[in-house]
Protein backbone atom coordinates (compact mmCIF):
# COMPACT_ATOMS: atom_id res chain seq x y z
CA MET A 1 10.36 44.81 35.30
CA PHE A 2 7.14 46.83 36.42
CA ILE A 3 6.55 47.64 40.26
CA LEU A 4 3.02 48.29 41.10
CA LEU A 5 1.72 49.64 44.22
CA SER A 6 -1.18 47.96 45.85
CA ASN A 7 -4.38 49.64 46.94
CA ASP A 8 -5.04 47.53 49.88
CA SER A 9 -4.56 49.11 53.26
CA SER A 10 -1.25 47.48 54.07
CA ASN A 11 0.49 49.52 51.11
CA LYS A 12 2.69 46.66 50.33
CA ASN A 13 4.75 47.04 47.15
CA TYR A 14 4.41 43.96 44.73
CA GLU A 15 6.95 43.34 41.75
CA PHE A 16 5.99 41.62 38.58
CA TYR A 17 8.57 40.82 36.19
CA TRP A 18 7.69 40.10 32.90
CA GLY A 19 9.32 39.49 29.26
CA TYR A 20 9.74 37.26 26.38
CA LYS A 21 12.46 34.89 25.04
CA ASN A 22 12.95 34.28 21.43
CA HIS A 23 14.22 30.51 20.37
CA ILE A 24 15.40 30.41 17.00
CA ILE A 25 16.77 27.65 14.90
CA ILE A 26 19.72 28.68 12.82
CA ASP A 27 21.34 27.25 9.77
CA SER A 28 25.06 27.18 11.16
CA LEU A 29 26.66 27.22 7.55
CA SER A 30 24.78 30.24 6.32
CA GLY A 31 23.66 31.96 9.37
CA LEU A 32 20.05 32.29 8.50
CA PRO A 33 17.12 31.60 10.52
CA ILE A 34 14.96 28.44 9.74
CA ALA A 35 12.50 29.04 12.52
CA GLU A 36 11.40 31.04 15.55
CA VAL A 37 9.13 31.10 18.36
CA THR A 38 8.64 33.95 21.04
CA THR A 39 7.45 32.61 24.58
CA THR A 40 6.82 34.39 27.57
CA ALA A 41 9.83 34.18 30.13
CA ASN A 42 8.08 31.62 32.46
CA ILE A 43 8.30 29.07 29.55
CA SER A 44 11.20 26.78 30.18
CA HIS A 45 13.94 26.66 27.33
CA PHE A 46 13.80 23.05 26.86
CA ASP A 47 10.09 23.11 26.53
CA ALA A 48 10.23 25.48 23.95
CA ALA A 49 13.14 23.86 22.12
CA ILE A 50 11.62 20.58 22.06
CA LEU A 51 8.31 22.05 20.60
CA LEU A 52 10.05 24.31 18.16
CA LEU A 53 12.32 21.37 16.93
CA SER A 54 9.49 19.04 16.72
CA GLU A 55 7.24 21.21 14.71
CA THR A 56 10.18 22.71 12.60
CA ASN A 57 10.89 18.88 11.69
CA ASN A 58 7.30 18.35 10.30
CA TRP A 59 8.19 20.96 7.24
CA PHE A 60 11.96 20.98 7.14
CA ASN A 61 13.95 17.73 7.62
CA LEU A 62 16.12 18.05 10.87
CA GLU A 63 17.16 14.42 10.45
CA GLY A 64 20.93 14.07 11.90
CA VAL A 65 20.92 17.49 13.19
CA ASN A 66 23.74 18.99 15.37
CA PHE A 67 22.19 20.77 17.80
CA ILE A 68 24.18 23.55 19.32
CA ALA A 69 22.65 25.39 22.37
CA ASP A 70 23.42 27.59 25.57
CA LYS A 71 23.32 26.09 28.93
CA GLY A 72 19.90 26.99 29.47
CA TYR A 73 19.05 23.83 27.20
CA ASP A 74 21.12 21.16 29.15
CA VAL A 75 18.18 19.05 30.23
CA LYS A 76 18.02 15.18 29.57
CA LYS A 77 14.66 15.73 27.79
CA VAL A 78 16.28 17.69 24.99
CA TYR A 79 19.36 15.30 24.46
CA ASN A 80 16.78 12.22 24.26
CA PHE A 81 14.49 14.08 21.81
CA VAL A 82 17.62 15.12 19.52
CA ARG A 83 19.12 11.51 19.58
CA ASP A 84 15.98 9.46 19.61
CA THR A 85 13.59 11.41 17.08
CA LEU A 86 16.05 13.23 15.23
CA HIS A 87 19.07 10.93 15.33
CA GLY A 88 21.28 13.84 15.81
CA HIS A 89 23.70 15.04 18.38
CA CYS A 90 23.64 17.86 21.25
CA PHE A 91 26.45 20.13 22.02
CA ILE A 92 25.32 22.04 25.01
CA PRO A 93 27.52 23.19 28.02
CA LEU A 94 27.04 21.89 31.29
CA ASN A 95 24.33 23.59 33.58
CA LYS A 96 25.89 23.30 37.09
CA ARG A 97 22.53 23.88 38.69
CA GLY A 98 22.84 24.65 42.50
CA SER A 99 26.51 24.79 42.29
CA LYS A 100 26.87 28.44 43.34
CA LYS A 101 27.93 28.70 46.73
CA HIS A 102 26.76 32.06 48.71
CA ASN A 103 28.65 33.48 51.48
CA LEU A 104 26.35 33.81 54.55
CA THR A 105 26.30 35.94 57.66
CA ASP A 106 26.54 34.32 60.92
CA ASP A 107 22.59 34.40 61.19
CA GLY A 108 22.03 32.84 57.90
CA HIS A 109 21.77 35.89 55.54
CA VAL A 110 23.10 35.42 52.16
CA VAL A 111 25.87 37.91 51.25
CA CYS A 112 25.84 39.62 47.90
CA ASP A 113 28.78 40.37 45.52
CA ALA A 114 29.10 43.76 46.97
CA GLY A 115 29.87 42.22 50.33
CA ILE A 116 26.33 43.59 51.73
CA PRO A 117 23.95 41.19 53.77
CA MET A 118 20.57 40.86 51.66
CA ILE A 119 17.35 40.33 53.72
CA LYS A 120 14.65 37.74 53.29
CA ASP A 121 11.94 38.85 50.71
CA GLY A 122 9.54 35.96 50.40
CA LYS A 123 9.57 32.42 49.08
CA GLU A 124 8.68 30.98 45.60
CA TYR A 125 6.87 27.67 45.48
CA PHE A 126 7.93 24.80 42.97
CA ASP A 127 6.75 21.50 42.45
CA GLY A 128 8.58 19.49 45.37
CA PHE A 129 10.78 22.50 46.93
CA ILE A 130 10.53 25.94 48.39
CA LYS A 131 13.05 28.67 47.23
CA GLN A 132 13.79 31.24 49.60
CA LYS A 133 14.25 34.85 47.72
CA HIS A 134 16.67 37.23 49.20
CA ARG A 135 17.04 41.11 48.04
CA CYS A 136 19.24 44.14 48.86
CA LYS A 137 18.24 45.89 52.00
CA TYR A 138 18.63 49.38 50.27
CA TYR A 139 16.11 48.45 47.26
CA LYS A 140 13.27 50.08 47.92
């Protein structure tokens, strides 16, 4: 995480998070890597998985593969690709998106795991919805 201070007159703090993810296809019998791609953190797991599986299948036969992955890959597109293109099976834990219930104060603020009410800290805009961001009031 990098914290950059603005040079404008309002002196707002801006936060930029950046990082990378490695997506690796591993032979489960030998434990040896077959293929790997590194993406920026803003690329979804499933987009990277489908691209990596597709490109790898061009030079290494993945026909009938058993695709084992973490819940970040629990997306219908991955299941369909493995079933329809690779004629294989997926073993991925269910990702219960949006199922976490947050404790709220009477005025609607989210309470963190430490029991401290958080403050609203902007919004994130996605295709079709807006996500309210919160942060600890003691974070500077």
